[in-house]
Amino acid sequence: MTCTVQAGENHTIITIDNTTRPPENAADAEDLIQPFHRGDDTRMANRPGHGLGLSIAKACTDAMQATLAVSRPSPGTFRAEIKLPNRPTQRHCPQQKEHGHRPHARQ
C-alpha cells in the first residue's frame, strides 16, 4: 500500500494505492462506493466486513465538499483519491432552521 499527498494552491489530493487481485468481472470500480457492495463475491466470501467503508468515506467527503474517486489503474491495483478543498467552506445542516443550528465553518 502506498499513500501520497499533493498540496496544491486550491486543493490537497490524497492518493491511496493498494494491490489486489484482478477482478473476475469488469465491474466499474465506482460500484464499490455503493453500500453493501463488496466487489468479487468469491474473493470476499471469507473476509469480514459489510461493504460500507467506501460508502461512508464518500458521505464524509461529500459533507466536506471534497471528492472521492476510485479506480483500477492497472489489473492488480486499486486506487482511492480524495480531493480536499484548501479554503474554508460553509456547510449547512439540513436541519439548520428546524433545530436552530448555525452553519459550520471548516477550519
PDB file of N, CA and C in Angstrom:
ATOM      1  N   MET A   1       0.851  -1.160   0.000  1.00  0.00           N
ATOM      2  CA  MET A   1       0.000   0.000   0.000  1.00  0.00           C
ATOM      3  C   MET A   1       0.901   1.228   0.000  1.00  0.00           C
ATOM      4  N   THR A   2       0.504   2.213  -0.799  1.00  0.00           N
ATOM      5  CA  THR A   2       1.213   3.490  -0.799  1.00  0.00           C
ATOM      6  C   THR A   2       0.201   4.611  -0.621  1.00  0.00           C
ATOM      7  N   CYS A   3       0.653   5.656   0.024  1.00  0.00           N
ATOM      8  CA  CYS A   3      -0.183   6.838   0.228  1.00  0.00           C
ATOM      9  C   CYS A   3       0.653   8.056  -0.140  1.00  0.00           C
ATOM     10  N   THR A   4       0.107   8.894  -1.010  1.00  0.00           N
ATOM     11  CA  THR A   4       0.797  10.128  -1.381  1.00  0.00           C
ATOM     12  C   THR A   4      -0.125  11.310  -1.112  1.00  0.00           C
ATOM     13  N   VAL A   5       0.481  12.429  -0.778  1.00  0.00           N
ATOM     14  CA  VAL A   5      -0.261  13.664  -0.532  1.00  0.00           C
ATOM     15  C   VAL A   5       0.355  14.752  -1.401  1.00  0.00           C
ATOM     16  N   GLN A   6      -0.487  15.411  -2.189  1.00  0.00           N
ATOM     17  CA  GLN A   6      -0.053  16.525  -3.030  1.00  0.00           C
ATOM     18  C   GLN A   6      -0.819  17.764  -2.597  1.00  0.00           C
ATOM     19  N   ALA A   7      -0.088  18.764  -2.139  1.00  0.00           N
ATOM     20  CA  ALA A   7      -0.720  20.017  -1.730  1.00  0.00           C
ATOM     21  C   ALA A   7      -0.614  21.011  -2.873  1.00  0.00           C
ATOM     22  N   GLY A   8      -1.754  21.462  -3.346  1.00  0.00           N
ATOM     23  CA  GLY A   8      -1.801  22.474  -4.389  1.00  0.00           C
ATOM     24  C   GLY A   8      -2.324  23.778  -3.827  1.00  0.00           C
ATOM     25  N   GLU A   9      -2.477  24.757  -4.686  1.00  0.00           N
ATOM     26  CA  GLU A   9      -2.946  26.067  -4.245  1.00  0.00           C
ATOM     27  C   GLU A   9      -4.394  26.014  -3.758  1.00  0.00           C
ATOM     28  N   ASN A  10      -5.242  25.272  -4.466  1.00  0.00           N
ATOM     29  CA  ASN A  10      -6.667  25.234  -4.125  1.00  0.00           C
ATOM     30  C   ASN A  10      -7.127  23.924  -3.496  1.00  0.00           C
ATOM     31  N   HIS A  11      -6.380  22.839  -3.730  1.00  0.00           N
ATOM     32  CA  HIS A  11      -6.790  21.529  -3.250  1.00  0.00           C
ATOM     33  C   HIS A  11      -5.600  20.740  -2.723  1.00  0.00           C
ATOM     34  N   THR A  12      -5.885  19.820  -1.826  1.00  0.00           N
ATOM     35  CA  THR A  12      -4.917  18.820  -1.404  1.00  0.00           C
ATOM     36  C   THR A  12      -5.471  17.477  -1.851  1.00  0.00           C
ATOM     37  N   ILE A  13      -4.624  16.681  -2.502  1.00  0.00           N
ATOM     38  CA  ILE A  13      -5.056  15.391  -3.027  1.00  0.00           C
ATOM     39  C   ILE A  13      -4.330  14.283  -2.276  1.00  0.00           C
ATOM     40  N   ILE A  14      -5.101  13.367  -1.711  1.00  0.00           N
ATOM     41  CA  ILE A  14      -4.573  12.192  -1.027  1.00  0.00           C
ATOM     42  C   ILE A  14      -4.876  10.995  -1.922  1.00  0.00           C
ATOM     43  N   THR A  15      -3.832  10.268  -2.314  1.00  0.00           N
ATOM     44  CA  THR A  15      -4.000   9.102  -3.176  1.00  0.00           C
ATOM     45  C   THR A  15      -3.510   7.868  -2.437  1.00  0.00           C
ATOM     46  N   ILE A  16      -4.352   6.840  -2.398  1.00  0.00           N
ATOM     47  CA  ILE A  16      -4.004   5.577  -1.757  1.00  0.00           C
ATOM     48  C   ILE A  16      -4.084   4.490  -2.816  1.00  0.00           C
ATOM     49  N   ASP A  17      -2.962   3.800  -3.036  1.00  0.00           N
ATOM     50  CA  ASP A  17      -2.907   2.670  -3.958  1.00  0.00           C
ATOM     51  C   ASP A  17      -2.677   1.404  -3.153  1.00  0.00           C
ATOM     52  N   ASN A  18      -3.386   0.348  -3.520  1.00  0.00           N
ATOM     53  CA  ASN A  18      -3.245  -0.929  -2.841  1.00  0.00           C
ATOM     54  C   ASN A  18      -3.267  -2.037  -3.880  1.00  0.00           C
ATOM     55  N   THR A  19      -2.487  -3.073  -3.638  1.00  0.00           N
ATOM     56  CA  THR A  19      -2.503  -4.205  -4.557  1.00  0.00           C
ATOM     57  C   THR A  19      -3.728  -5.058  -4.279  1.00  0.00           C
ATOM     58  N   THR A  20      -4.239  -5.656  -5.323  1.00  0.00           N
ATOM     59  CA  THR A  20      -5.410  -6.510  -5.218  1.00  0.00           C
ATOM     60  C   THR A  20      -5.376  -7.508  -6.362  1.00  0.00           C
ATOM     61  N   ARG A  21      -6.130  -8.556  -6.225  1.00  0.00           N
ATOM     62  CA  ARG A  21      -6.240  -9.476  -7.350  1.00  0.00           C
ATOM     63  C   ARG A  21      -7.075  -8.813  -8.428  1.00  0.00           C
ATOM     64  N   PRO A  22      -6.755  -9.087  -9.685  1.00  0.00           N
ATOM     65  CA  PRO A  22      -7.594  -8.538 -10.753  1.00  0.00           C
ATOM     66  C   PRO A  22      -9.035  -9.019 -10.576  1.00  0.00           C
ATOM     67  N   PRO A  23     -10.014  -8.166 -10.820  1.00  0.00           N
ATOM     68  CA  PRO A  23     -11.416  -8.582 -10.661  1.00  0.00           C
ATOM     69  C   PRO A  23     -11.788  -9.634 -11.698  1.00  0.00           C
ATOM     70  N   GLU A  24     -12.651 -10.572 -11.288  1.00  0.00           N
ATOM     71  CA  GLU A  24     -13.096 -11.601 -12.224  1.00  0.00           C
ATOM     72  C   GLU A  24     -14.063 -11.037 -13.252  1.00  0.00           C
ATOM     73  N   ASN A  25     -14.847 -10.056 -12.859  1.00  0.00           N
ATOM     74  CA  ASN A  25     -15.703  -9.386 -13.841  1.00  0.00           C
ATOM     75  C   ASN A  25     -15.207  -7.951 -13.968  1.00  0.00           C
ATOM     76  N   ALA A  26     -15.528  -7.337 -15.040  1.00  0.00           N
ATOM     77  CA  ALA A  26     -15.017  -5.989 -15.309  1.00  0.00           C
ATOM     78  C   ALA A  26     -15.942  -4.910 -14.753  1.00  0.00           C
ATOM     79  N   ALA A  27     -16.495  -5.152 -13.573  1.00  0.00           N
ATOM     80  CA  ALA A  27     -17.396  -4.165 -12.962  1.00  0.00           C
ATOM     81  C   ALA A  27     -16.648  -2.858 -12.727  1.00  0.00           C
ATOM     82  N   ASP A  28     -17.360  -1.779 -12.875  1.00  0.00           N
ATOM     83  CA  ASP A  28     -16.789  -0.454 -12.682  1.00  0.00           C
ATOM     84  C   ASP A  28     -16.357  -0.295 -11.224  1.00  0.00           C
ATOM     85  N   ALA A  29     -15.172   0.241 -11.009  1.00  0.00           N
ATOM     86  CA  ALA A  29     -14.672   0.449  -9.651  1.00  0.00           C
ATOM     87  C   ALA A  29     -15.603   1.359  -8.852  1.00  0.00           C
ATOM     88  N   GLU A  30     -16.308   2.268  -9.536  1.00  0.00           N
ATOM     89  CA  GLU A  30     -17.240   3.171  -8.843  1.00  0.00           C
ATOM     90  C   GLU A  30     -18.356   2.397  -8.138  1.00  0.00           C
ATOM     91  N   ASP A  31     -18.664   1.176  -8.599  1.00  0.00           N
ATOM     92  CA  ASP A  31     -19.683   0.357  -7.928  1.00  0.00           C
ATOM     93  C   ASP A  31     -19.287   0.060  -6.487  1.00  0.00           C
ATOM     94  N   LEU A  32     -17.990   0.054  -6.198  1.00  0.00           N
ATOM     95  CA  LEU A  32     -17.521  -0.267  -4.853  1.00  0.00           C
ATOM     96  C   LEU A  32     -17.933   0.784  -3.828  1.00  0.00           C
ATOM     97  N   ILE A  33     -18.331   1.969  -4.279  1.00  0.00           N
ATOM     98  CA  ILE A  33     -18.778   3.020  -3.360  1.00  0.00           C
ATOM     99  C   ILE A  33     -20.216   2.764  -2.900  1.00  0.00           C
ATOM    100  N   GLN A  34     -20.947   1.946  -3.629  1.00  0.00           N
ATOM    101  CA  GLN A  34     -22.336   1.664  -3.272  1.00  0.00           C
ATOM    102  C   GLN A  34     -22.390   0.869  -1.968  1.00  0.00           C
ATOM    103  N   PRO A  35     -23.316   1.203  -1.063  1.00  0.00           N
ATOM    104  CA  PRO A  35     -23.425   0.475   0.202  1.00  0.00           C
ATOM    105  C   PRO A  35     -23.631  -1.019  -0.027  1.00  0.00           C
ATOM    106  N   PHE A  36     -22.956  -1.809   0.776  1.00  0.00           N
ATOM    107  CA  PHE A  36     -23.056  -3.270   0.807  1.00  0.00           C
ATOM    108  C   PHE A  36     -22.469  -3.953  -0.421  1.00  0.00           C
ATOM    109  N   HIS A  37     -21.796  -3.212  -1.292  1.00  0.00           N
ATOM    110  CA  HIS A  37     -21.140  -3.815  -2.457  1.00  0.00           C
ATOM    111  C   HIS A  37     -19.712  -4.143  -2.061  1.00  0.00           C
ATOM    112  N   ARG A  38     -19.327  -5.414  -2.205  1.00  0.00           N
ATOM    113  CA  ARG A  38     -18.005  -5.837  -1.751  1.00  0.00           C
ATOM    114  C   ARG A  38     -17.122  -6.333  -2.879  1.00  0.00           C
ATOM    115  N   GLY A  39     -17.450  -6.040  -4.095  1.00  0.00           N
ATOM    116  CA  GLY A  39     -16.601  -6.484  -5.195  1.00  0.00           C
ATOM    117  C   GLY A  39     -16.837  -7.945  -5.523  1.00  0.00           C
ATOM    118  N   ASP A  40     -15.785  -8.611  -5.941  1.00  0.00           N
ATOM    119  CA  ASP A  40     -15.856 -10.006  -6.358  1.00  0.00           C
ATOM    120  C   ASP A  40     -16.287 -10.888  -5.187  1.00  0.00           C
ATOM    121  N   ASP A  41     -17.482 -11.472  -5.272  1.00  0.00           N
ATOM    122  CA  ASP A  41     -18.024 -12.285  -4.178  1.00  0.00           C
ATOM    123  C   ASP A  41     -17.128 -13.458  -3.812  1.00  0.00           C
ATOM    124  N   THR A  42     -16.525 -14.114  -4.791  1.00  0.00           N
ATOM    125  CA  THR A  42     -15.713 -15.284  -4.474  1.00  0.00           C
ATOM    126  C   THR A  42     -14.452 -14.889  -3.712  1.00  0.00           C
ATOM    127  N   ARG A  43     -13.912 -13.733  -4.004  1.00  0.00           N
ATOM    128  CA  ARG A  43     -12.699 -13.275  -3.323  1.00  0.00           C
ATOM    129  C   ARG A  43     -13.009 -12.796  -1.909  1.00  0.00           C
ATOM    130  N   MET A  44     -14.187 -12.212  -1.703  1.00  0.00           N
ATOM    131  CA  MET A  44     -14.524 -11.600  -0.424  1.00  0.00           C
ATOM    132  C   MET A  44     -15.369 -12.489   0.480  1.00  0.00           C
ATOM    133  N   ALA A  45     -15.740 -13.670   0.021  1.00  0.00           N
ATOM    134  CA  ALA A  45     -16.682 -14.511   0.762  1.00  0.00           C
ATOM    135  C   ALA A  45     -16.203 -14.843   2.170  1.00  0.00           C
ATOM    136  N   ASN A  46     -14.927 -15.069   2.362  1.00  0.00           N
ATOM    137  CA  ASN A  46     -14.421 -15.475   3.677  1.00  0.00           C
ATOM    138  C   ASN A  46     -13.757 -14.335   4.435  1.00  0.00           C
ATOM    139  N   ARG A  47     -14.016 -13.123   4.042  1.00  0.00           N
ATOM    140  CA  ARG A  47     -13.436 -11.949   4.703  1.00  0.00           C
ATOM    141  C   ARG A  47     -14.516 -11.219   5.489  1.00  0.00           C
ATOM    142  N   PRO A  48     -14.170 -10.714   6.685  1.00  0.00           N
ATOM    143  CA  PRO A  48     -15.169  -9.954   7.440  1.00  0.00           C
ATOM    144  C   PRO A  48     -15.442  -8.607   6.781  1.00  0.00           C
ATOM    145  N   GLY A  49     -16.596  -8.074   7.055  1.00  0.00           N
ATOM    146  CA  GLY A  49     -16.960  -6.759   6.541  1.00  0.00           C
ATOM    147  C   GLY A  49     -18.344  -6.778   5.947  1.00  0.00           C
ATOM    148  N   HIS A  50     -18.869  -5.591   5.706  1.00  0.00           N
ATOM    149  CA  HIS A  50     -20.228  -5.460   5.186  1.00  0.00           C
ATOM    150  C   HIS A  50     -20.306  -4.622   3.930  1.00  0.00           C
ATOM    151  N   GLY A  51     -19.174  -4.117   3.438  1.00  0.00           N
ATOM    152  CA  GLY A  51     -19.201  -3.306   2.224  1.00  0.00           C
ATOM    153  C   GLY A  51     -19.676  -1.885   2.452  1.00  0.00           C
ATOM    154  N   LEU A  52     -19.397  -1.342   3.623  1.00  0.00           N
ATOM    155  CA  LEU A  52     -19.848   0.016   3.933  1.00  0.00           C
ATOM    156  C   LEU A  52     -18.723   1.043   3.969  1.00  0.00           C
ATOM    157  N   GLY A  53     -17.482   0.614   4.056  1.00  0.00           N
ATOM    158  CA  GLY A  53     -16.357   1.531   4.243  1.00  0.00           C
ATOM    159  C   GLY A  53     -16.272   2.635   3.213  1.00  0.00           C
ATOM    160  N   LEU A  54     -16.308   2.286   1.927  1.00  0.00           N
ATOM    161  CA  LEU A  54     -16.183   3.310   0.889  1.00  0.00           C
ATOM    162  C   LEU A  54     -17.422   4.188   0.795  1.00  0.00           C
ATOM    163  N   SER A  55     -18.607   3.629   1.085  1.00  0.00           N
ATOM    164  CA  SER A  55     -19.807   4.474   1.041  1.00  0.00           C
ATOM    165  C   SER A  55     -19.795   5.479   2.197  1.00  0.00           C
ATOM    166  N   ILE A  56     -19.251   5.084   3.337  1.00  0.00           N
ATOM    167  CA  ILE A  56     -19.108   6.019   4.460  1.00  0.00           C
ATOM    168  C   ILE A  56     -18.059   7.079   4.115  1.00  0.00           C
ATOM    169  N   ALA A  57     -16.943   6.656   3.520  1.00  0.00           N
ATOM    170  CA  ALA A  57     -15.912   7.616   3.102  1.00  0.00           C
ATOM    171  C   ALA A  57     -16.480   8.612   2.098  1.00  0.00           C
ATOM    172  N   LYS A  58     -17.330   8.145   1.185  1.00  0.00           N
ATOM    173  CA  LYS A  58     -17.953   9.027   0.189  1.00  0.00           C
ATOM    174  C   LYS A  58     -18.874  10.040   0.878  1.00  0.00           C
ATOM    175  N   ALA A  59     -19.662   9.591   1.845  1.00  0.00           N
ATOM    176  CA  ALA A  59     -20.547  10.507   2.576  1.00  0.00           C
ATOM    177  C   ALA A  59     -19.730  11.564   3.322  1.00  0.00           C
ATOM    178  N   CYS A  60     -18.603  11.158   3.894  1.00  0.00           N
ATOM    179  CA  CYS A  60     -17.743  12.114   4.613  1.00  0.00           C
ATOM    180  C   CYS A  60     -17.138  13.139   3.662  1.00  0.00           C
ATOM    181  N   THR A  61     -16.639  12.684   2.511  1.00  0.00           N
ATOM    182  CA  THR A  61     -16.052  13.637   1.568  1.00  0.00           C
ATOM    183  C   THR A  61     -17.113  14.577   1.021  1.00  0.00           C
ATOM    184  N   ASP A  62     -18.312  14.066   0.764  1.00  0.00           N
ATOM    185  CA  ASP A  62     -19.399  14.934   0.301  1.00  0.00           C
ATOM    186  C   ASP A  62     -19.711  16.012   1.341  1.00  0.00           C
ATOM    187  N   ALA A  63     -19.726  15.632   2.619  1.00  0.00           N
ATOM    188  CA  ALA A  63     -20.033  16.587   3.686  1.00  0.00           C
ATOM    189  C   ALA A  63     -18.969  17.678   3.790  1.00  0.00           C
ATOM    190  N   MET A  64     -17.741  17.365   3.385  1.00  0.00           N
ATOM    191  CA  MET A  64     -16.647  18.339   3.438  1.00  0.00           C
ATOM    192  C   MET A  64     -16.454  19.069   2.115  1.00  0.00           C
ATOM    193  N   GLN A  65     -17.381  18.887   1.193  1.00  0.00           N
ATOM    194  CA  GLN A  65     -17.285  19.454  -0.156  1.00  0.00           C
ATOM    195  C   GLN A  65     -15.988  19.021  -0.833  1.00  0.00           C
ATOM    196  N   ALA A  66     -15.607  17.773  -0.576  1.00  0.00           N
ATOM    197  CA  ALA A  66     -14.448  17.145  -1.194  1.00  0.00           C
ATOM    198  C   ALA A  66     -14.960  16.084  -2.165  1.00  0.00           C
ATOM    199  N   THR A  67     -14.046  15.404  -2.839  1.00  0.00           N
ATOM    200  CA  THR A  67     -14.454  14.328  -3.744  1.00  0.00           C
ATOM    201  C   THR A  67     -13.689  13.060  -3.408  1.00  0.00           C
ATOM    202  N   LEU A  68     -14.323  11.932  -3.688  1.00  0.00           N
ATOM    203  CA  LEU A  68     -13.698  10.617  -3.578  1.00  0.00           C
ATOM    204  C   LEU A  68     -13.867   9.942  -4.921  1.00  0.00           C
ATOM    205  N   ALA A  69     -12.768   9.521  -5.503  1.00  0.00           N
ATOM    206  CA  ALA A  69     -12.812   8.782  -6.764  1.00  0.00           C
ATOM    207  C   ALA A  69     -12.047   7.481  -6.569  1.00  0.00           C
ATOM    208  N   VAL A  70     -12.609   6.379  -7.063  1.00  0.00           N
ATOM    209  CA  VAL A  70     -11.923   5.091  -7.001  1.00  0.00           C
ATOM    210  C   VAL A  70     -11.702   4.590  -8.415  1.00  0.00           C
ATOM    211  N   SER A  71     -10.617   3.862  -8.593  1.00  0.00           N
ATOM    212  CA  SER A  71     -10.295   3.347  -9.923  1.00  0.00           C
ATOM    213  C   SER A  71      -9.398   2.124  -9.792  1.00  0.00           C
ATOM    214  N   ARG A  72      -9.207   1.470 -10.918  1.00  0.00           N
ATOM    215  CA  ARG A  72      -8.255   0.365 -11.025  1.00  0.00           C
ATOM    216  C   ARG A  72      -7.275   0.760 -12.133  1.00  0.00           C
ATOM    217  N   PRO A  73      -6.203   1.486 -11.784  1.00  0.00           N
ATOM    218  CA  PRO A  73      -5.285   1.967 -12.811  1.00  0.00           C
ATOM    219  C   PRO A  73      -4.540   0.854 -13.541  1.00  0.00           C
ATOM    220  N   SER A  74      -4.453  -0.314 -12.916  1.00  0.00           N
ATOM    221  CA  SER A  74      -3.896  -1.494 -13.570  1.00  0.00           C
ATOM    222  C   SER A  74      -4.628  -2.705 -13.005  1.00  0.00           C
ATOM    223  N   PRO A  75      -4.555  -3.875 -13.660  1.00  0.00           N
ATOM    224  CA  PRO A  75      -5.339  -5.032 -13.199  1.00  0.00           C
ATOM    225  C   PRO A  75      -5.099  -5.427 -11.744  1.00  0.00           C
ATOM    226  N   GLY A  76      -3.920  -5.212 -11.199  1.00  0.00           N
ATOM    227  CA  GLY A  76      -3.650  -5.609  -9.825  1.00  0.00           C
ATOM    228  C   GLY A  76      -3.582  -4.461  -8.842  1.00  0.00           C
ATOM    229  N   THR A  77      -4.158  -3.315  -9.190  1.00  0.00           N
ATOM    230  CA  THR A  77      -4.086  -2.132  -8.322  1.00  0.00           C
ATOM    231  C   THR A  77      -5.460  -1.501  -8.139  1.00  0.00           C
ATOM    232  N   PHE A  78      -5.761  -1.157  -6.896  1.00  0.00           N
ATOM    233  CA  PHE A  78      -6.968  -0.398  -6.561  1.00  0.00           C
ATOM    234  C   PHE A  78      -6.497   0.963  -6.073  1.00  0.00           C
ATOM    235  N   ARG A  79      -7.149   2.035  -6.519  1.00  0.00           N
ATOM    236  CA  ARG A  79      -6.770   3.395  -6.124  1.00  0.00           C
ATOM    237  C   ARG A  79      -7.987   4.148  -5.593  1.00  0.00           C
ATOM    238  N   ALA A  80      -7.779   4.835  -4.472  1.00  0.00           N
ATOM    239  CA  ALA A  80      -8.772   5.776  -3.944  1.00  0.00           C
ATOM    240  C   ALA A  80      -8.093   7.137  -3.885  1.00  0.00           C
ATOM    241  N   GLU A  81      -8.776   8.150  -4.413  1.00  0.00           N
ATOM    242  CA  GLU A  81      -8.211   9.501  -4.442  1.00  0.00           C
ATOM    243  C   GLU A  81      -9.211  10.468  -3.818  1.00  0.00           C
ATOM    244  N   ILE A  82      -8.753  11.178  -2.805  1.00  0.00           N
ATOM    245  CA  ILE A  82      -9.581  12.168  -2.114  1.00  0.00           C
ATOM    246  C   ILE A  82      -9.027  13.547  -2.445  1.00  0.00           C
ATOM    247  N   LYS A  83      -9.902  14.422  -2.907  1.00  0.00           N
ATOM    248  CA  LYS A  83      -9.505  15.793  -3.252  1.00  0.00           C
ATOM    249  C   LYS A  83     -10.216  16.741  -2.286  1.00  0.00           C
ATOM    250  N   LEU A  84      -9.435  17.371  -1.420  1.00  0.00           N
ATOM    251  CA  LEU A  84      -9.964  18.256  -0.382  1.00  0.00           C
ATOM    252  C   LEU A  84      -9.728  19.717  -0.751  1.00  0.00           C
ATOM    253  N   PRO A  85     -10.744  20.565  -0.596  1.00  0.00           N
ATOM    254  CA  PRO A  85     -10.523  21.993  -0.843  1.00  0.00           C
ATOM    255  C   PRO A  85      -9.660  22.581   0.275  1.00  0.00           C
ATOM    256  N   ASN A  86      -8.758  23.478  -0.084  1.00  0.00           N
ATOM    257  CA  ASN A  86      -7.887  24.104   0.920  1.00  0.00           C
ATOM    258  C   ASN A  86      -8.531  25.295   1.607  1.00  0.00           C
ATOM    259  N   ARG A  87      -9.513  25.879   0.986  1.00  0.00           N
ATOM    260  CA  ARG A  87     -10.140  27.077   1.554  1.00  0.00           C
ATOM    261  C   ARG A  87     -11.280  26.690   2.493  1.00  0.00           C
ATOM    262  N   PRO A  88     -11.505  27.508   3.511  1.00  0.00           N
ATOM    263  CA  PRO A  88     -12.653  27.243   4.376  1.00  0.00           C
ATOM    264  C   PRO A  88     -13.949  27.279   3.562  1.00  0.00           C
ATOM    265  N   THR A  89     -14.833  26.367   3.868  1.00  0.00           N
ATOM    266  CA  THR A  89     -16.121  26.318   3.186  1.00  0.00           C
ATOM    267  C   THR A  89     -17.236  26.345   4.211  1.00  0.00           C
ATOM    268  N   GLN A  90     -18.378  26.815   3.792  1.00  0.00           N
ATOM    269  CA  GLN A  90     -19.564  26.806   4.647  1.00  0.00           C
ATOM    270  C   GLN A  90     -20.364  25.555   4.338  1.00  0.00           C
ATOM    271  N   ARG A  91     -20.775  24.851   5.371  1.00  0.00           N
ATOM    272  CA  ARG A  91     -21.621  23.677   5.208  1.00  0.00           C
ATOM    273  C   ARG A  91     -22.882  23.927   6.015  1.00  0.00           C
ATOM    274  N   HIS A  92     -24.004  23.702   5.403  1.00  0.00           N
ATOM    275  CA  HIS A  92     -25.275  23.931   6.075  1.00  0.00           C
ATOM    276  C   HIS A  92     -25.919  22.598   6.420  1.00  0.00           C
ATOM    277  N   CYS A  93     -26.328  22.472   7.667  1.00  0.00           N
ATOM    278  CA  CYS A  93     -27.033  21.268   8.095  1.00  0.00           C
ATOM    279  C   CYS A  93     -28.444  21.293   7.520  1.00  0.00           C
ATOM    280  N   PRO A  94     -28.956  20.143   7.045  1.00  0.00           N
ATOM    281  CA  PRO A  94     -30.334  20.122   6.545  1.00  0.00           C
ATOM    282  C   PRO A  94     -31.338  20.550   7.612  1.00  0.00           C
ATOM    283  N   GLN A  95     -31.039  20.281   8.878  1.00  0.00           N
ATOM    284  CA  GLN A  95     -31.952  20.617   9.965  1.00  0.00           C
ATOM    285  C   GLN A  95     -31.615  21.967  10.584  1.00  0.00           C
ATOM    286  N   GLN A  96     -30.808  22.772   9.900  1.00  0.00           N
ATOM    287  CA  GLN A  96     -30.313  24.029  10.460  1.00  0.00           C
ATOM    288  C   GLN A  96     -31.436  24.905  11.010  1.00  0.00           C
ATOM    289  N   LYS A  97     -32.428  25.210  10.191  1.00  0.00           N
ATOM    290  CA  LYS A  97     -33.517  26.080  10.640  1.00  0.00           C
ATOM    291  C   LYS A  97     -34.390  25.373  11.665  1.00  0.00           C
ATOM    292  N   GLU A  98     -34.628  24.105  11.416  1.00  0.00           N
ATOM    293  CA  GLU A  98     -35.510  23.320  12.277  1.00  0.00           C
ATOM    294  C   GLU A  98     -34.990  23.261  13.715  1.00  0.00           C
ATOM    295  N   HIS A  99     -33.673  23.130  13.885  1.00  0.00           N
ATOM    296  CA  HIS A  99     -33.092  22.972  15.211  1.00  0.00           C
ATOM    297  C   HIS A  99     -32.325  24.199  15.687  1.00  0.00           C
ATOM    298  N   GLY A 100     -32.322  25.265  14.890  1.00  0.00           N
ATOM    299  CA  GLY A 100     -31.637  26.480  15.297  1.00  0.00           C
ATOM    300  C   GLY A 100     -30.122  26.410  15.187  1.00  0.00           C
ATOM    301  N   HIS A 101     -29.602  25.466  14.390  1.00  0.00           N
ATOM    302  CA  HIS A 101     -28.151  25.354  14.211  1.00  0.00           C
ATOM    303  C   HIS A 101     -27.632  26.486  13.342  1.00  0.00           C
ATOM    304  N   ARG A 102     -26.400  26.866  13.595  1.00  0.00           N
ATOM    305  CA  ARG A 102     -25.717  27.823  12.741  1.00  0.00           C
ATOM    306  C   ARG A 102     -24.863  27.057  11.734  1.00  0.00           C
ATOM    307  N   PRO A 103     -24.535  27.665  10.586  1.00  0.00           N
ATOM    308  CA  PRO A 103     -23.663  26.989   9.614  1.00  0.00           C
ATOM    309  C   PRO A 103     -22.312  26.664  10.238  1.00  0.00           C
ATOM    310  N   HIS A 104     -21.741  25.538   9.820  1.00  0.00           N
ATOM    311  CA  HIS A 104     -20.423  25.114  10.287  1.00  0.00           C
ATOM    312  C   HIS A 104     -19.374  25.658   9.333  1.00  0.00           C
ATOM    313  N   ALA A 105     -18.308  26.202   9.861  1.00  0.00           N
ATOM    314  CA  ALA A 105     -17.186  26.652   9.023  1.00  0.00           C
ATOM    315  C   ALA A 105     -16.069  25.636   9.161  1.00  0.00           C
ATOM    316  N   ARG A 106     -15.511  25.202   8.035  1.00  0.00           N
ATOM    317  CA  ARG A 106     -14.397  24.265   8.052  1.00  0.00           C
ATOM    318  C   ARG A 106     -13.130  25.031   8.376  1.00  0.00           C
ATOM    319  N   GLN A 107     -12.364  24.557   9.294  1.00  0.00           N
ATOM    320  CA  GLN A 107     -11.118  25.229   9.699  1.00  0.00           C
ATOM    321  C   GLN A 107      -9.981  24.808   8.816  1.00  0.00           C
TER     322      GLN A 107
END
